[in-house]
Amino acid sequence: MTWGYEDDVGGVAFAKLHGFVVVKRNRGLRLVLDGCPRPTVDLPEDIAITTLADSPELVRGVWETASEAMPDIPYYTVPMSAGSLKEFAARSFAGPKYIPEATFVAVRDGEVVGYAQLAWMSRAAGLADHAMLAVRRAWRGRGIAKALKARQITWALDNGLSELRTGNDERNASARAVNANFAYTPLPEQIGYRGPSPCGRVNGRCHGVIPVRESSRLAGAQLLSRALGPARPLYGPRCDWAGPNVNPRFVSTRGRTSPERVQLASL
């Protein structure tokens, strides 16, 4: 699968001309924090919210929550998996994008029942991404996801951030319903295409996929030259870092973002 954006007229036309089929749509959102109302955090009885900065011992419970939640995410081919605790922690709780004080954990009697994580997209610009939102199945439908997201927004306001980004698969009605409680505004949809050939074949040889989003910049000999050149990654200049299961998360050079890593079927 390769990706484009709905406002890339050239890329959309190229995809249609060459037989690409739309198989997935991600609806991106932005929340500009200048003038953003401060949300109310309404927690269910007996639920408390802490952070991994204050309670690092909850990492295992967060991993268990992710392990339960990830298979419930709408997917295209292969369900998501948290992997081992070691893999999950290295992927989610390390590196320059990790914000332990903005990784919020919902707890009841010491048990983790949900969590939500912000990650830096650009620390210098005060721009962060809703990287994770997960609630255990037995605790869904009680307002925990909404409370966790409200706590994220409150933290961003208190710490002078300029903007938050998020996004969800269009099939993820529950996650999108959580976002509808806040003042997000839409970004152009990210479109997943499946092409007529899984790779750019010239004379029977595979030379790598040409992303639809790049096609509008290329024409005639340029396109042929790209196809005949060395193999290129499926994800081009918009790929900023790899998320779980080696599913890259997009940070667009045009100011867009990818889906949250956990987009629950029921929150």
Foldseek 3Di string as FASTA:
>chain_A
DFKAFPPLVLLVVVCVVQPWDFQWKKWKWKDFLVVFDQDDQDDDPQKDKAFCVVVVVCLVLAQVQCQQFQQQADDRPDTFGCPDSVSNCPQAPDDDFFDRRLWMFIDGPRHTFWIWGWTDPDVVQLEIERQDTTGHPVPFPRCPRLNRVSVNSNVSNVVVGGMYMAMGIPLLVALVVSVVVGDIDIDTMMTDIDGPDPALDDPRDGAEHDHSNCVSVDDDPRVVVSRPDHYDDSDPDQFDDAHGPRHTWGQGPVGTTGHHSGRGSTD
